[in-house]
Amino acid sequence: MKSAILVLALSFLPELLNAVFKIRIDSFSILVYFTIIFMALYLGSSYRFYDKYKWWDRAIHFLSGIGFAGFGIAFAGTGSGFIKLVILLFG
């Protein structure tokens, strides 16, 4: 039950970033983001893929690196003064 609530809450994060902060995230990064959520919360936790496959955690970390790069590029496109710190953080 907790996983379902967490997936529902995290599903709205890209739209929330766009609505509140005017940060537009590209479609590929959103696809990677939802893939990570599905792999980590649904398959990893509910179906115990973390226990069944040793490489599962590494695959999710690899994908999250790609996702963070996409989110970082989206943050860099906003152009605010605070963005230099965010670019350094994602870099």
PDB file of N, CA and C in Angstrom:
ATOM      1  N   MET A   1       0.818  -1.192   0.000  1.00  0.00           N
ATOM      2  CA  MET A   1       0.000   0.000   0.000  1.00  0.00           C
ATOM      3  C   MET A   1       0.866   1.261   0.000  1.00  0.00           C
ATOM      4  N   LYS A   2       1.970   1.220   0.781  1.00  0.00           N
ATOM      5  CA  LYS A   2       2.856   2.386   0.812  1.00  0.00           C
ATOM      6  C   LYS A   2       3.487   2.648  -0.543  1.00  0.00           C
ATOM      7  N   SER A   3       3.840   1.577  -1.258  1.00  0.00           N
ATOM      8  CA  SER A   3       4.445   1.740  -2.582  1.00  0.00           C
ATOM      9  C   SER A   3       3.477   2.395  -3.550  1.00  0.00           C
ATOM     10  N   ALA A   4       2.221   2.023  -3.484  1.00  0.00           N
ATOM     11  CA  ALA A   4       1.225   2.602  -4.391  1.00  0.00           C
ATOM     12  C   ALA A   4       1.046   4.095  -4.125  1.00  0.00           C
ATOM     13  N   ILE A   5       1.034   4.479  -2.881  1.00  0.00           N
ATOM     14  CA  ILE A   5       0.896   5.901  -2.534  1.00  0.00           C
ATOM     15  C   ILE A   5       2.134   6.665  -2.974  1.00  0.00           C
ATOM     16  N   LEU A   6       3.293   6.080  -2.773  1.00  0.00           N
ATOM     17  CA  LEU A   6       4.540   6.739  -3.178  1.00  0.00           C
ATOM     18  C   LEU A   6       4.621   6.881  -4.695  1.00  0.00           C
ATOM     19  N   VAL A   7       4.229   5.869  -5.440  1.00  0.00           N
ATOM     20  CA  VAL A   7       4.229   5.945  -6.905  1.00  0.00           C
ATOM     21  C   VAL A   7       3.262   7.022  -7.370  1.00  0.00           C
ATOM     22  N   LEU A   8       2.100   7.092  -6.757  1.00  0.00           N
ATOM     23  CA  LEU A   8       1.123   8.113  -7.129  1.00  0.00           C
ATOM     24  C   LEU A   8       1.665   9.514  -6.862  1.00  0.00           C
ATOM     25  N   ALA A   9       2.301   9.710  -5.731  1.00  0.00           N
ATOM     26  CA  ALA A   9       2.855  11.029  -5.404  1.00  0.00           C
ATOM     27  C   ALA A   9       4.007  11.396  -6.337  1.00  0.00           C
ATOM     28  N   LEU A  10       4.892  10.453  -6.615  1.00  0.00           N
ATOM     29  CA  LEU A  10       6.036  10.729  -7.484  1.00  0.00           C
ATOM     30  C   LEU A  10       5.643  10.896  -8.946  1.00  0.00           C
ATOM     31  N   SER A  11       4.490  10.375  -9.322  1.00  0.00           N
ATOM     32  CA  SER A  11       4.041  10.501 -10.709  1.00  0.00           C
ATOM     33  C   SER A  11       3.744  11.946 -11.095  1.00  0.00           C
ATOM     34  N   PHE A  12       3.408  12.747 -10.126  1.00  0.00           N
ATOM     35  CA  PHE A  12       3.057  14.138 -10.411  1.00  0.00           C
ATOM     36  C   PHE A  12       4.242  15.092 -10.301  1.00  0.00           C
ATOM     37  N   LEU A  13       5.408  14.614  -9.941  1.00  0.00           N
ATOM     38  CA  LEU A  13       6.572  15.485  -9.759  1.00  0.00           C
ATOM     39  C   LEU A  13       6.967  16.259 -11.021  1.00  0.00           C
ATOM     40  N   PRO A  14       7.081  15.635 -12.205  1.00  0.00           N
ATOM     41  CA  PRO A  14       7.444  16.426 -13.388  1.00  0.00           C
ATOM     42  C   PRO A  14       6.429  17.523 -13.709  1.00  0.00           C
ATOM     43  N   GLU A  15       5.152  17.219 -13.564  1.00  0.00           N
ATOM     44  CA  GLU A  15       4.126  18.232 -13.827  1.00  0.00           C
ATOM     45  C   GLU A  15       4.149  19.332 -12.770  1.00  0.00           C
ATOM     46  N   LEU A  16       4.442  18.967 -11.551  1.00  0.00           N
ATOM     47  CA  LEU A  16       4.551  19.961 -10.473  1.00  0.00           C
ATOM     48  C   LEU A  16       5.722  20.903 -10.715  1.00  0.00           C
ATOM     49  N   LEU A  17       6.840  20.362 -11.164  1.00  0.00           N
ATOM     50  CA  LEU A  17       7.987  21.214 -11.486  1.00  0.00           C
ATOM     51  C   LEU A  17       7.656  22.190 -12.605  1.00  0.00           C
ATOM     52  N   ASN A  18       6.890  21.739 -13.577  1.00  0.00           N
ATOM     53  CA  ASN A  18       6.503  22.602 -14.685  1.00  0.00           C
ATOM     54  C   ASN A  18       5.509  23.664 -14.225  1.00  0.00           C
ATOM     55  N   ALA A  19       4.546  23.294 -13.404  1.00  0.00           N
ATOM     56  CA  ALA A  19       3.506  24.228 -12.982  1.00  0.00           C
ATOM     57  C   ALA A  19       4.024  25.270 -11.994  1.00  0.00           C
ATOM     58  N   VAL A  20       4.796  24.839 -11.032  1.00  0.00           N
ATOM     59  CA  VAL A  20       5.225  25.750  -9.969  1.00  0.00           C
ATOM     60  C   VAL A  20       6.483  26.525 -10.348  1.00  0.00           C
ATOM     61  N   PHE A  21       7.493  25.824 -10.854  1.00  0.00           N
ATOM     62  CA  PHE A  21       8.788  26.460 -11.105  1.00  0.00           C
ATOM     63  C   PHE A  21       9.057  26.763 -12.574  1.00  0.00           C
ATOM     64  N   LYS A  22       8.117  26.415 -13.451  1.00  0.00           N
ATOM     65  CA  LYS A  22       8.260  26.634 -14.901  1.00  0.00           C
ATOM     66  C   LYS A  22       9.484  25.920 -15.475  1.00  0.00           C
ATOM     67  N   ILE A  23       9.746  24.719 -14.975  1.00  0.00           N
ATOM     68  CA  ILE A  23      10.859  23.904 -15.446  1.00  0.00           C
ATOM     69  C   ILE A  23      10.282  22.825 -16.351  1.00  0.00           C
ATOM     70  N   ARG A  24      10.604  22.893 -17.618  1.00  0.00           N
ATOM     71  CA  ARG A  24      10.077  21.950 -18.620  1.00  0.00           C
ATOM     72  C   ARG A  24      11.086  20.823 -18.813  1.00  0.00           C
ATOM     73  N   ILE A  25      10.681  19.607 -18.488  1.00  0.00           N
ATOM     74  CA  ILE A  25      11.549  18.442 -18.598  1.00  0.00           C
ATOM     75  C   ILE A  25      11.191  17.702 -19.881  1.00  0.00           C
ATOM     76  N   ASP A  26      12.222  17.294 -20.637  1.00  0.00           N
ATOM     77  CA  ASP A  26      11.980  16.643 -21.928  1.00  0.00           C
ATOM     78  C   ASP A  26      11.357  15.263 -21.746  1.00  0.00           C
ATOM     79  N   SER A  27      10.766  14.762 -22.806  1.00  0.00           N
ATOM     80  CA  SER A  27      10.017  13.499 -22.762  1.00  0.00           C
ATOM     81  C   SER A  27      10.902  12.300 -22.427  1.00  0.00           C
ATOM     82  N   PHE A  28      12.135  12.280 -22.936  1.00  0.00           N
ATOM     83  CA  PHE A  28      13.026  11.157 -22.664  1.00  0.00           C
ATOM     84  C   PHE A  28      13.359  11.070 -21.174  1.00  0.00           C
ATOM     85  N   SER A  29      13.640  12.209 -20.552  1.00  0.00           N
ATOM     86  CA  SER A  29      13.955  12.214 -19.120  1.00  0.00           C
ATOM     87  C   SER A  29      12.757  11.786 -18.287  1.00  0.00           C
ATOM     88  N   ILE A  30      11.564  12.173 -18.700  1.00  0.00           N
ATOM     89  CA  ILE A  30      10.366  11.742 -17.987  1.00  0.00           C
ATOM     90  C   ILE A  30      10.156  10.237 -18.147  1.00  0.00           C
ATOM     91  N   LEU A  31      10.424   9.712 -19.345  1.00  0.00           N
ATOM     92  CA  LEU A  31      10.330   8.272 -19.560  1.00  0.00           C
ATOM     93  C   LEU A  31      11.321   7.514 -18.672  1.00  0.00           C
ATOM     94  N   VAL A  32      12.548   8.003 -18.589  1.00  0.00           N
ATOM     95  CA  VAL A  32      13.551   7.374 -17.716  1.00  0.00           C
ATOM     96  C   VAL A  32      13.111   7.458 -16.260  1.00  0.00           C
ATOM     97  N   TYR A  33      12.553   8.605 -15.866  1.00  0.00           N
ATOM     98  CA  TYR A  33      12.076   8.808 -14.500  1.00  0.00           C
ATOM     99  C   TYR A  33      10.992   7.791 -14.141  1.00  0.00           C
ATOM    100  N   PHE A  34      10.007   7.625 -15.010  1.00  0.00           N
ATOM    101  CA  PHE A  34       8.938   6.663 -14.733  1.00  0.00           C
ATOM    102  C   PHE A  34       9.440   5.224 -14.785  1.00  0.00           C
ATOM    103  N   THR A  35      10.424   4.946 -15.625  1.00  0.00           N
ATOM    104  CA  THR A  35      11.027   3.615 -15.672  1.00  0.00           C
ATOM    105  C   THR A  35      11.722   3.300 -14.348  1.00  0.00           C
ATOM    106  N   ILE A  36      12.434   4.281 -13.805  1.00  0.00           N
ATOM    107  CA  ILE A  36      13.106   4.086 -12.518  1.00  0.00           C
ATOM    108  C   ILE A  36      12.091   3.832 -11.414  1.00  0.00           C
ATOM    109  N   ILE A  37      11.026   4.617 -11.391  1.00  0.00           N
ATOM    110  CA  ILE A  37       9.983   4.418 -10.372  1.00  0.00           C
ATOM    111  C   ILE A  37       9.402   3.012 -10.478  1.00  0.00           C
ATOM    112  N   PHE A  38       9.084   2.588 -11.701  1.00  0.00           N
ATOM    113  CA  PHE A  38       8.517   1.254 -11.917  1.00  0.00           C
ATOM    114  C   PHE A  38       9.490   0.167 -11.488  1.00  0.00           C
ATOM    115  N   MET A  39      10.761   0.312 -11.901  1.00  0.00           N
ATOM    116  CA  MET A  39      11.750  -0.719 -11.585  1.00  0.00           C
ATOM    117  C   MET A  39      12.050  -0.784 -10.095  1.00  0.00           C
ATOM    118  N   ALA A  40      12.175   0.368  -9.456  1.00  0.00           N
ATOM    119  CA  ALA A  40      12.585   0.383  -8.050  1.00  0.00           C
ATOM    120  C   ALA A  40      11.437   0.026  -7.108  1.00  0.00           C
ATOM    121  N   LEU A  41      10.320   0.698  -7.267  1.00  0.00           N
ATOM    122  CA  LEU A  41       9.241   0.503  -6.301  1.00  0.00           C
ATOM    123  C   LEU A  41       8.371  -0.704  -6.602  1.00  0.00           C
ATOM    124  N   TYR A  42       8.024  -0.885  -7.859  1.00  0.00           N
ATOM    125  CA  TYR A  42       7.107  -1.976  -8.184  1.00  0.00           C
ATOM    126  C   TYR A  42       7.838  -3.310  -8.287  1.00  0.00           C
ATOM    127  N   LEU A  43       8.804  -3.375  -9.191  1.00  0.00           N
ATOM    128  CA  LEU A  43       9.505  -4.649  -9.389  1.00  0.00           C
ATOM    129  C   LEU A  43      10.518  -4.915  -8.274  1.00  0.00           C
ATOM    130  N   GLY A  44      11.284  -3.905  -7.917  1.00  0.00           N
ATOM    131  CA  GLY A  44      12.338  -4.106  -6.937  1.00  0.00           C
ATOM    132  C   GLY A  44      11.830  -4.437  -5.554  1.00  0.00           C
ATOM    133  N   SER A  45      10.877  -3.651  -5.071  1.00  0.00           N
ATOM    134  CA  SER A  45      10.381  -3.858  -3.712  1.00  0.00           C
ATOM    135  C   SER A  45       9.255  -4.881  -3.649  1.00  0.00           C
ATOM    136  N   SER A  46       8.255  -4.725  -4.504  1.00  0.00           N
ATOM    137  CA  SER A  46       7.090  -5.608  -4.422  1.00  0.00           C
ATOM    138  C   SER A  46       7.394  -7.036  -4.868  1.00  0.00           C
ATOM    139  N   TYR A  47       8.148  -7.181  -5.937  1.00  0.00           N
ATOM    140  CA  TYR A  47       8.463  -8.509  -6.452  1.00  0.00           C
ATOM    141  C   TYR A  47       9.862  -8.982  -6.057  1.00  0.00           C
ATOM    142  N   ARG A  48      10.503  -8.251  -5.179  1.00  0.00           N
ATOM    143  CA  ARG A  48      11.796  -8.645  -4.598  1.00  0.00           C
ATOM    144  C   ARG A  48      12.881  -8.866  -5.646  1.00  0.00           C
ATOM    145  N   PHE A  49      12.915  -8.021  -6.680  1.00  0.00           N
ATOM    146  CA  PHE A  49      13.961  -8.149  -7.694  1.00  0.00           C
ATOM    147  C   PHE A  49      15.333  -7.808  -7.122  1.00  0.00           C
ATOM    148  N   TYR A  50      15.366  -6.996  -6.067  1.00  0.00           N
ATOM    149  CA  TYR A  50      16.646  -6.700  -5.428  1.00  0.00           C
ATOM    150  C   TYR A  50      17.278  -7.966  -4.851  1.00  0.00           C
ATOM    151  N   ASP A  51      16.459  -8.861  -4.357  1.00  0.00           N
ATOM    152  CA  ASP A  51      16.961 -10.114  -3.791  1.00  0.00           C
ATOM    153  C   ASP A  51      17.239 -11.163  -4.867  1.00  0.00           C
ATOM    154  N   LYS A  52      16.465 -11.145  -5.943  1.00  0.00           N
ATOM    155  CA  LYS A  52      16.597 -12.161  -6.985  1.00  0.00           C
ATOM    156  C   LYS A  52      17.772 -11.900  -7.930  1.00  0.00           C
ATOM    157  N   TYR A  53      18.023 -10.637  -8.240  1.00  0.00           N
ATOM    158  CA  TYR A  53      19.044 -10.286  -9.229  1.00  0.00           C
ATOM    159  C   TYR A  53      20.077  -9.347  -8.609  1.00  0.00           C
ATOM    160  N   LYS A  54      21.323  -9.766  -8.629  1.00  0.00           N
ATOM    161  CA  LYS A  54      22.385  -8.948  -8.037  1.00  0.00           C
ATOM    162  C   LYS A  54      22.591  -7.646  -8.792  1.00  0.00           C
ATOM    163  N   TRP A  55      22.358  -7.651 -10.092  1.00  0.00           N
ATOM    164  CA  TRP A  55      22.622  -6.486 -10.933  1.00  0.00           C
ATOM    165  C   TRP A  55      21.477  -5.472 -10.924  1.00  0.00           C
ATOM    166  N   TRP A  56      20.362  -5.773 -10.258  1.00  0.00           N
ATOM    167  CA  TRP A  56      19.186  -4.913 -10.310  1.00  0.00           C
ATOM    168  C   TRP A  56      19.456  -3.510  -9.750  1.00  0.00           C
ATOM    169  N   ASP A  57      20.127  -3.447  -8.634  1.00  0.00           N
ATOM    170  CA  ASP A  57      20.431  -2.163  -8.010  1.00  0.00           C
ATOM    171  C   ASP A  57      21.364  -1.333  -8.893  1.00  0.00           C
ATOM    172  N   ARG A  58      22.332  -1.959  -9.513  1.00  0.00           N
ATOM    173  CA  ARG A  58      23.252  -1.231 -10.407  1.00  0.00           C
ATOM    174  C   ARG A  58      22.534  -0.694 -11.635  1.00  0.00           C
ATOM    175  N   ALA A  59      21.607  -1.458 -12.167  1.00  0.00           N
ATOM    176  CA  ALA A  59      20.848  -0.994 -13.336  1.00  0.00           C
ATOM    177  C   ALA A  59      20.012   0.231 -12.984  1.00  0.00           C
ATOM    178  N   ILE A  60      19.395   0.210 -11.817  1.00  0.00           N
ATOM    179  CA  ILE A  60      18.591   1.355 -11.397  1.00  0.00           C
ATOM    180  C   ILE A  60      19.478   2.567 -11.140  1.00  0.00           C
ATOM    181  N   HIS A  61      20.645   2.369 -10.553  1.00  0.00           N
ATOM    182  CA  HIS A  61      21.556   3.496 -10.331  1.00  0.00           C
ATOM    183  C   HIS A  61      22.070   4.059 -11.654  1.00  0.00           C
ATOM    184  N   PHE A  62      22.321   3.208 -12.626  1.00  0.00           N
ATOM    185  CA  PHE A  62      22.746   3.678 -13.944  1.00  0.00           C
ATOM    186  C   PHE A  62      21.658   4.537 -14.584  1.00  0.00           C
ATOM    187  N   LEU A  63      20.430   4.048 -14.545  1.00  0.00           N
ATOM    188  CA  LEU A  63      19.321   4.811 -15.111  1.00  0.00           C
ATOM    189  C   LEU A  63      19.077   6.108 -14.353  1.00  0.00           C
ATOM    190  N   SER A  64      19.260   6.090 -13.053  1.00  0.00           N
ATOM    191  CA  SER A  64      19.056   7.323 -12.292  1.00  0.00           C
ATOM    192  C   SER A  64      20.114   8.367 -12.642  1.00  0.00           C
ATOM    193  N   GLY A  65      21.308   7.937 -12.995  1.00  0.00           N
ATOM    194  CA  GLY A  65      22.320   8.885 -13.464  1.00  0.00           C
ATOM    195  C   GLY A  65      21.902   9.559 -14.758  1.00  0.00           C
ATOM    196  N   ILE A  66      21.312   8.777 -15.660  1.00  0.00           N
ATOM    197  CA  ILE A  66      20.792   9.352 -16.907  1.00  0.00           C
ATOM    198  C   ILE A  66      19.641  10.299 -16.604  1.00  0.00           C
ATOM    199  N   GLY A  67      18.778   9.905 -15.696  1.00  0.00           N
ATOM    200  CA  GLY A  67      17.648  10.763 -15.323  1.00  0.00           C
ATOM    201  C   GLY A  67      18.081  12.054 -14.681  1.00  0.00           C
ATOM    202  N   PHE A  68      19.069  11.995 -13.783  1.00  0.00           N
ATOM    203  CA  PHE A  68      19.571  13.216 -13.151  1.00  0.00           C
ATOM    204  C   PHE A  68      20.203  14.153 -14.171  1.00  0.00           C
ATOM    205  N   ALA A  69      20.862  13.594 -15.160  1.00  0.00           N
ATOM    206  CA  ALA A  69      21.437  14.440 -16.212  1.00  0.00           C
ATOM    207  C   ALA A  69      20.330  15.167 -16.976  1.00  0.00           C
ATOM    208  N   GLY A  70      19.245  14.473 -17.277  1.00  0.00           N
ATOM    209  CA  GLY A  70      18.117  15.095 -17.963  1.00  0.00           C
ATOM    210  C   GLY A  70      17.461  16.174 -17.130  1.00  0.00           C
ATOM    211  N   PHE A  71      17.293  15.915 -15.833  1.00  0.00           N
ATOM    212  CA  PHE A  71      16.727  16.927 -14.950  1.00  0.00           C
ATOM    213  C   PHE A  71      17.677  18.114 -14.823  1.00  0.00           C
ATOM    214  N   GLY A  72      18.977  17.846 -14.780  1.00  0.00           N
ATOM    215  CA  GLY A  72      19.961  18.931 -14.699  1.00  0.00           C
ATOM    216  C   GLY A  72      19.933  19.822 -15.929  1.00  0.00           C
ATOM    217  N   ILE A  73      19.787  19.220 -17.097  1.00  0.00           N
ATOM    218  CA  ILE A  73      19.685  20.002 -18.329  1.00  0.00           C
ATOM    219  C   ILE A  73      18.417  20.847 -18.304  1.00  0.00           C
ATOM    220  N   ALA A  74      17.330  20.296 -17.792  1.00  0.00           N
ATOM    221  CA  ALA A  74      16.082  21.060 -17.695  1.00  0.00           C
ATOM    222  C   ALA A  74      16.239  22.242 -16.735  1.00  0.00           C
ATOM    223  N   PHE A  75      16.927  22.014 -15.608  1.00  0.00           N
ATOM    224  CA  PHE A  75      17.168  23.105 -14.668  1.00  0.00           C
ATOM    225  C   PHE A  75      18.060  24.173 -15.288  1.00  0.00           C
ATOM    226  N   ALA A  76      19.031  23.751 -16.072  1.00  0.00           N
ATOM    227  CA  ALA A  76      19.946  24.711 -16.700  1.00  0.00           C
ATOM    228  C   ALA A  76      19.221  25.592 -17.698  1.00  0.00           C
ATOM    229  N   GLY A  77      18.131  25.115 -18.283  1.00  0.00           N
ATOM    230  CA  GLY A  77      17.379  25.890 -19.252  1.00  0.00           C
ATOM    231  C   GLY A  77      16.523  26.981 -18.650  1.00  0.00           C
ATOM    232  N   THR A  78      16.369  26.996 -17.340  1.00  0.00           N
ATOM    233  CA  THR A  78      15.527  28.021 -16.725  1.00  0.00           C
ATOM    234  C   THR A  78      16.191  29.385 -16.719  1.00  0.00           C
ATOM    235  N   GLY A  79      17.507  29.442 -16.571  1.00  0.00           N
ATOM    236  CA  GLY A  79      18.243  30.689 -16.695  1.00  0.00           C
ATOM    237  C   GLY A  79      18.188  31.630 -15.506  1.00  0.00           C
ATOM    238  N   SER A  80      17.805  31.193 -14.324  1.00  0.00           N
ATOM    239  CA  SER A  80      17.784  32.088 -13.168  1.00  0.00           C
ATOM    240  C   SER A  80      19.184  32.222 -12.570  1.00  0.00           C
ATOM    241  N   GLY A  81      19.362  33.152 -11.662  1.00  0.00           N
ATOM    242  CA  GLY A  81      20.654  33.365 -11.018  1.00  0.00           C
ATOM    243  C   GLY A  81      21.072  32.199 -10.137  1.00  0.00           C
ATOM    244  N   PHE A  82      20.100  31.509  -9.577  1.00  0.00           N
ATOM    245  CA  PHE A  82      20.344  30.374  -8.699  1.00  0.00           C
ATOM    246  C   PHE A  82      20.812  29.154  -9.486  1.00  0.00           C
ATOM    247  N   ILE A  83      20.659  29.195 -10.796  1.00  0.00           N
ATOM    248  CA  ILE A  83      20.889  28.024 -11.638  1.00  0.00           C
ATOM    249  C   ILE A  83      22.356  27.602 -11.671  1.00  0.00           C
ATOM    250  N   LYS A  84      23.272  28.485 -11.467  1.00  0.00           N
ATOM    251  CA  LYS A  84      24.688  28.123 -11.483  1.00  0.00           C
ATOM    252  C   LYS A  84      24.998  27.117 -10.374  1.00  0.00           C
ATOM    253  N   LEU A  85      24.390  27.292  -9.213  1.00  0.00           N
ATOM    254  CA  LEU A  85      24.581  26.343  -8.124  1.00  0.00           C
ATOM    255  C   LEU A  85      23.969  24.976  -8.482  1.00  0.00           C
ATOM    256  N   VAL A  86      22.820  24.986  -9.120  1.00  0.00           N
ATOM    257  CA  VAL A  86      22.169  23.742  -9.519  1.00  0.00           C
ATOM    258  C   VAL A  86      22.993  23.016 -10.578  1.00  0.00           C
ATOM    259  N   ILE A  87      23.544  23.773 -11.528  1.00  0.00           N
ATOM    260  CA  ILE A  87      24.399  23.154 -12.549  1.00  0.00           C
ATOM    261  C   ILE A  87      25.622  22.513 -11.904  1.00  0.00           C
ATOM    262  N   LEU A  88      26.227  23.195 -10.952  1.00  0.00           N
ATOM    263  CA  LEU A  88      27.355  22.610 -10.217  1.00  0.00           C
ATOM    264  C   LEU A  88      26.954  21.359  -9.464  1.00  0.00           C
ATOM    265  N   LEU A  89      25.782  21.389  -8.863  1.00  0.00           N
ATOM    266  CA  LEU A  89      25.287  20.228  -8.114  1.00  0.00           C
ATOM    267  C   LEU A  89      25.105  19.031  -9.037  1.00  0.00           C
ATOM    268  N   PHE A  90      24.465  19.219 -10.174  1.00  0.00           N
ATOM    269  CA  PHE A  90      24.234  18.113 -11.095  1.00  0.00           C
ATOM    270  C   PHE A  90      25.522  17.709 -11.808  1.00  0.00           C
ATOM    271  N   GLY A  91      26.439  18.638 -11.987  1.00  0.00           N
ATOM    272  CA  GLY A  91      27.715  18.322 -12.627  1.00  0.00           C
ATOM    273  C   GLY A  91      28.544  17.432 -11.758  1.00  0.00           C
TER     274      GLY A  91
END
